[in-house]
């Protein structure tokens, strides 16, 4: 079983945005330039042996819904055995954001909230996030975010694990927090925060197996660390097959590999076990 903890199915509003110009340079044009049918995303998963993916919505202060919650809900409804949804909301309208998060979880069946502080150019300790953290606790869903530098053309400072993720975990000890994109160049900070806080996790999205930093690999090989790291691709920026290539470099035993590839994500997002166990 393989579960991809960070995917987005690209709309034209999302994939054509100017802030992704830097990623296009890095990937040599591998990122699609136009909207794709959902079957293309499913085919990319099948090519990598990925059984299930978490599709995220995107909401920005300037453009609004770049990938709307209802679009994500439609793809999940069409393929419920392959996808679950992660909500995105309007940070600049806090009460509307809380109500939308409730709707996504209670009515649409979403399994978490993903917000990108760099998109709003504020740190995740900004006061407007705090009602959302409280609501995530009440709804019993994780808060997912990006840690580390920002590949798109936006400031990277909001991605610092210390002090930001550390402070949120202190203020909301019940909140499950998933820091995506590893945390580079502050990977050691992210590992330290995950060690310190019971409910802080790391996902490896935006990094191929060959590029995962040695300090994170060492953490994944420990008993505690093997329970704290989730596989993610960041599709369509990185295809799942490319993200998984070189998996043997991690030198994980069978139990740790199963945790990394699907068990940790299933536990953190409270996903049901697949048919047959």
Protein backbone atom coordinates (compact mmCIF):
# COMPACT_ATOMS: atom_id res chain seq x y z
CA UNK A 1 0.00 0.00 0.00
CA UNK A 2 1.16 3.53 -0.80
CA UNK A 3 -0.70 6.65 0.35
CA UNK A 4 0.33 10.04 -1.05
CA UNK A 5 -0.19 12.71 1.62
CA UNK A 6 0.25 15.77 -0.62
CA UNK A 7 -1.29 16.02 -4.08
CA UNK A 8 -3.22 18.64 -5.99
CA UNK A 9 -5.21 18.07 -9.14
CA UNK A 10 -4.38 21.18 -11.20
CA UNK A 11 -7.00 23.58 -12.43
CA UNK A 12 -6.08 26.20 -15.02
CA UNK A 13 -6.31 28.87 -12.30
CA UNK A 14 -3.73 26.98 -10.27
CA UNK A 15 -1.25 25.66 -12.78
CA UNK A 16 -1.02 28.85 -14.81
CA UNK A 17 -0.14 31.12 -11.91
CA UNK A 18 2.96 33.30 -12.31
CA UNK A 19 4.36 32.29 -8.91
CA UNK A 20 5.15 28.81 -10.25
CA UNK A 21 7.61 30.16 -12.84
CA UNK A 22 10.53 29.26 -10.56
CA UNK A 23 9.31 25.67 -10.27
CA UNK A 24 9.05 25.40 -14.03
CA UNK A 25 12.71 26.39 -14.31
CA UNK A 26 13.76 23.84 -11.69
CA UNK A 27 11.80 21.00 -13.26
CA UNK A 28 12.78 21.78 -16.83
CA UNK A 29 9.18 22.29 -17.88
CA UNK A 30 7.92 19.01 -16.41
CA UNK A 31 4.98 20.77 -14.74
CA UNK A 32 1.89 20.75 -16.98
CA UNK A 33 0.82 24.10 -18.35
CA UNK A 34 -2.87 23.43 -18.70
CA UNK A 35 -5.77 21.81 -16.90
CA UNK A 36 -5.79 18.01 -16.84
CA UNK A 37 -8.62 15.50 -16.59
CA UNK A 38 -8.78 13.66 -13.28
CA UNK A 39 -7.93 10.47 -15.18
CA UNK A 40 -4.44 11.86 -15.78
CA UNK A 41 -3.87 12.14 -12.04
CA UNK A 42 -5.19 8.63 -11.50
CA UNK A 43 -2.88 7.34 -14.24
CA UNK A 44 0.12 9.00 -12.54
CA UNK A 45 -0.84 7.27 -9.29
CA UNK A 46 -1.27 3.91 -11.02
CA UNK A 47 2.13 4.24 -12.71
CA UNK A 48 3.74 4.58 -9.27
CA UNK A 49 1.60 2.01 -7.47
CA UNK A 50 -0.01 4.72 -5.34
CA UNK A 51 -3.32 3.44 -4.02
CA UNK A 52 -4.72 6.57 -2.39
CA UNK A 53 -4.05 10.31 -2.43
CA UNK A 54 -5.00 13.36 -0.40
CA UNK A 55 -6.10 16.13 -2.79
CA UNK A 56 -5.76 19.65 -1.47
CA UNK A 57 -7.67 22.81 -2.29
CA UNK A 58 -5.84 26.14 -2.67
CA UNK A 59 -7.12 29.57 -1.64
CA UNK A 60 -5.05 32.73 -2.05
CA UNK A 61 -5.68 36.32 -0.89
CA UNK A 62 -5.54 37.73 -4.41
CA UNK A 63 -7.12 35.09 -6.62
CA UNK A 64 -9.47 33.40 -4.18
CA UNK A 65 -10.10 29.72 -4.90
CA UNK A 66 -7.31 28.51 -7.18
CA UNK A 67 -8.56 24.96 -6.55
CA UNK A 68 -11.91 25.16 -4.79
CA UNK A 69 -13.15 22.93 -2.01
CA UNK A 70 -16.15 21.97 -4.12
CA UNK A 71 -13.93 20.98 -7.04
CA UNK A 72 -11.94 18.72 -4.72
CA UNK A 73 -15.18 17.31 -3.31
CA UNK A 74 -16.33 16.47 -6.83
CA UNK A 75 -13.17 14.51 -7.62
CA UNK A 76 -13.38 12.68 -4.29
CA UNK A 77 -17.05 11.83 -4.86
CA UNK A 78 -16.22 10.47 -8.33
CA UNK A 79 -13.35 8.33 -6.98
CA UNK A 80 -13.97 7.73 -3.25
CA UNK A 81 -11.67 4.70 -3.07
CA UNK A 82 -8.73 6.71 -4.46
CA UNK A 83 -8.99 10.18 -2.90
CA UNK A 84 -9.83 12.16 0.20
CA UNK A 85 -9.95 15.95 0.43
CA UNK A 86 -8.06 18.63 2.35
CA UNK A 87 -9.74 22.02 2.71
CA UNK A 88 -8.34 25.50 2.10
CA UNK A 89 -10.11 28.63 3.38
CA UNK A 90 -9.92 32.42 3.26
CA UNK A 91 -7.63 33.51 6.08
CA UNK A 92 -8.64 37.16 5.77
CA UNK A 93 -12.25 36.30 6.74
CA UNK A 94 -11.80 34.28 9.94
CA UNK A 95 -15.41 33.45 10.80
CA UNK A 96 -16.25 32.61 7.22
CA UNK A 97 -13.11 30.45 7.19
CA UNK A 98 -14.19 28.52 10.30
CA UNK A 99 -17.66 27.92 8.88
CA UNK A 100 -16.20 26.74 5.57
CA UNK A 101 -13.87 24.35 7.37
CA UNK A 102 -16.85 22.92 9.28
CA UNK A 103 -18.77 22.49 6.04
CA UNK A 104 -15.86 20.74 4.36
CA UNK A 105 -15.41 18.25 7.18
CA UNK A 106 -19.02 17.67 8.24
CA UNK A 107 -20.76 17.84 4.86
CA UNK A 108 -18.09 17.07 2.27
CA UNK A 109 -16.19 14.49 4.34
CA UNK A 110 -12.79 16.20 4.14
CA UNK A 111 -10.08 14.83 6.42
CA UNK A 112 -8.01 17.93 7.20
CA UNK A 113 -7.15 21.57 6.58
CA UNK A 114 -4.14 22.67 4.56
CA UNK A 115 -3.05 26.30 4.69
CA UNK A 116 0.10 27.80 3.19
CA UNK A 117 1.16 30.81 5.30
CA UNK A 118 3.62 31.97 2.64
CA UNK A 119 0.70 32.38 0.25
CA UNK A 120 -0.72 34.97 2.66
CA UNK A 121 2.78 36.31 3.48
CA UNK A 122 2.25 35.90 7.23
CA UNK A 123 3.64 33.32 9.68
CA UNK A 124 1.38 30.48 10.88
CA UNK A 125 1.30 32.12 14.33
CA UNK A 126 -0.72 35.01 12.88
CA UNK A 127 -3.77 35.54 15.11
CA UNK A 128 -6.18 34.74 12.24
CA UNK A 129 -4.99 31.12 12.16
CA UNK A 130 -5.88 30.44 15.79
CA UNK A 131 -9.67 30.02 15.37
CA UNK A 132 -8.89 27.49 12.64
CA UNK A 133 -6.54 25.54 14.91
CA UNK A 134 -9.21 25.41 17.60
CA UNK A 135 -11.78 24.22 15.06
CA UNK A 136 -9.40 21.51 13.77
CA UNK A 137 -9.14 20.21 17.34
CA UNK A 138 -12.92 20.24 17.74
CA UNK A 139 -13.41 18.48 14.39
CA UNK A 140 -10.54 16.06 15.16
CA UNK A 141 -8.73 16.72 11.87
CA UNK A 142 -5.07 17.66 11.24
CA UNK A 143 -3.72 21.04 10.25
CA UNK A 144 -1.33 20.66 7.31
CA UNK A 145 1.11 23.31 6.16
CA UNK A 146 4.41 23.83 4.37
CA UNK A 147 7.68 24.06 6.26
CA UNK A 148 11.01 25.07 4.78
CA UNK A 149 11.82 27.44 1.96
CA UNK A 150 9.21 28.44 -0.60
CA UNK A 151 9.79 27.19 -4.13
CA UNK A 152 7.21 29.53 -5.69
CA UNK A 153 8.08 33.20 -5.90
CA UNK A 154 6.97 34.15 -2.40
CA UNK A 155 8.87 34.82 0.88
CA UNK A 156 10.23 31.78 2.74
CA UNK A 157 10.30 33.11 6.31
CA UNK A 158 6.81 31.75 7.22
CA UNK A 159 8.22 28.24 6.72
CA UNK A 160 10.53 28.28 9.76
CA UNK A 161 9.74 25.32 12.06
CA UNK A 162 11.25 27.27 14.98
CA UNK A 163 9.67 29.42 16.26
CA UNK A 164 6.42 28.97 14.35
CA UNK A 165 5.48 25.25 14.39
CA UNK A 166 7.01 24.92 17.84
CA UNK A 167 4.81 27.75 19.16
CA UNK A 168 1.61 26.39 17.60
CA UNK A 169 2.25 22.96 19.12
CA UNK A 170 2.77 24.58 22.53
CA UNK A 171 -0.45 26.59 22.23
CA UNK A 172 -2.49 23.67 20.83
CA UNK A 173 -1.02 20.43 22.22
CA UNK A 174 -4.01 18.39 20.96
CA UNK A 175 -3.66 19.64 17.38
CA UNK A 176 -2.19 17.21 14.86
CA UNK A 177 0.22 19.22 12.69
CA UNK A 178 1.74 17.91 9.46
CA UNK A 179 4.69 19.91 8.12
CA UNK A 180 5.03 19.22 4.42
CA UNK A 181 8.12 19.67 2.22
CA UNK A 182 10.56 18.44 4.91
CA UNK A 183 11.61 21.85 6.24
CA UNK A 184 14.81 22.34 4.22
CA UNK A 185 17.06 24.24 4.84
CA UNK A 186 15.80 23.97 8.42
CA UNK A 187 15.40 20.18 8.38
CA UNK A 188 17.13 19.71 11.72
CA UNK A 189 14.76 22.26 13.26
CA UNK A 190 11.77 20.33 11.88
CA UNK A 191 13.09 17.03 13.23
CA UNK A 192 13.68 18.66 16.61
CA UNK A 193 10.12 19.97 16.71
CA UNK A 194 8.70 16.56 15.72
CA UNK A 195 10.76 14.89 18.45
CA UNK A 196 9.57 17.44 21.01
CA UNK A 197 5.85 17.42 20.29
CA UNK A 198 3.70 14.30 20.30
CA UNK A 199 1.38 15.42 17.51
CA UNK A 200 3.82 17.05 15.06
CA UNK A 201 4.58 15.13 11.87
CA UNK A 202 6.63 15.61 8.70
CA UNK A 203 5.75 14.74 5.11
CA UNK A 204 8.34 14.38 2.38
CA UNK A 205 6.41 16.04 -0.44
CA UNK A 206 8.39 18.06 -2.99
CA UNK A 207 11.43 15.79 -2.48
CA UNK A 208 12.37 12.63 -4.31
CA UNK A 209 13.75 9.76 -2.26
CA UNK A 210 17.20 10.58 -3.60
CA UNK A 211 17.02 14.14 -2.23
CA UNK A 212 15.71 13.51 1.28
CA UNK A 213 18.33 14.97 3.66
CA UNK A 214 20.46 12.56 5.68
CA UNK A 215 19.31 14.02 9.01
CA UNK A 216 15.68 13.18 8.17
CA UNK A 217 16.59 9.69 6.97
CA UNK A 218 18.41 9.06 10.26
CA UNK A 219 15.28 10.15 12.13
CA UNK A 220 13.06 7.86 10.02
CA UNK A 221 15.23 4.88 11.01
CA UNK A 222 14.57 5.44 14.74
CA UNK A 223 11.60 3.91 16.50
CA UNK A 224 10.01 7.28 17.23
CA UNK A 225 10.86 8.83 13.90
CA UNK A 226 9.44 5.90 11.94
CA UNK A 227 6.01 6.88 13.31
CA UNK A 228 6.34 10.57 12.44
CA UNK A 229 7.15 10.79 8.71
CA UNK A 230 4.64 10.46 5.85
CA UNK A 231 5.24 9.99 2.14
CA UNK A 232 4.06 12.77 -0.17
CA UNK A 233 4.82 13.66 -3.78
CA UNK A 234 3.50 17.22 -4.37
CA UNK A 235 1.97 16.11 -7.68
CA UNK A 236 1.85 17.59 -10.33
CA UNK A 237 5.09 19.41 -9.43
CA UNK A 238 6.68 15.98 -8.84
CA UNK A 239 5.07 12.81 -10.16
CA UNK A 240 4.60 10.05 -7.56
CA UNK A 241 6.85 7.69 -9.54
CA UNK A 242 9.67 10.24 -9.48
CA UNK A 243 9.16 10.89 -5.76
CA UNK A 244 9.41 7.17 -4.98
CA UNK A 245 12.39 6.44 -7.23
CA UNK A 246 15.41 5.41 -5.15
CA UNK A 247 13.31 4.40 -2.14
CA UNK A 248 15.87 1.73 -1.26
CA UNK A 249 18.36 4.52 -0.44
CA UNK A 250 16.42 5.14 2.77
CA UNK A 251 17.33 1.62 3.99
CA UNK A 252 14.13 1.27 6.00
CA UNK A 253 13.15 -2.08 7.43
CA UNK A 254 9.79 -3.54 6.39
CA UNK A 255 7.92 -2.16 9.40
CA UNK A 256 9.34 1.35 9.05
CA UNK A 257 8.72 1.33 5.30
CA UNK A 258 5.05 0.40 5.81
CA UNK A 259 4.66 3.21 8.34
CA UNK A 260 6.24 5.72 5.99
CA UNK A 261 4.33 4.71 2.89
CA UNK A 262 0.84 4.41 4.33
CA UNK A 263 0.32 3.54 8.00
CA UNK A 264 1.34 6.91 9.45
CA UNK A 265 -0.89 8.86 7.06
CA UNK A 266 -3.80 6.51 7.70
CA UNK A 267 -3.43 7.06 11.44
CA UNK A 268 -2.86 10.83 11.33
CA UNK A 269 -5.81 11.48 8.98
CA UNK A 270 -8.07 8.83 10.58
CA UNK A 271 -8.55 7.06 7.26
CA UNK A 272 -10.30 3.68 7.16
CA UNK A 273 -8.26 0.58 6.53
CA UNK A 274 -8.37 -0.66 2.92
CA UNK A 275 -10.55 -3.65 2.06
CA UNK A 276 -8.87 -6.81 3.26
CA UNK A 277 -6.98 -5.06 6.09
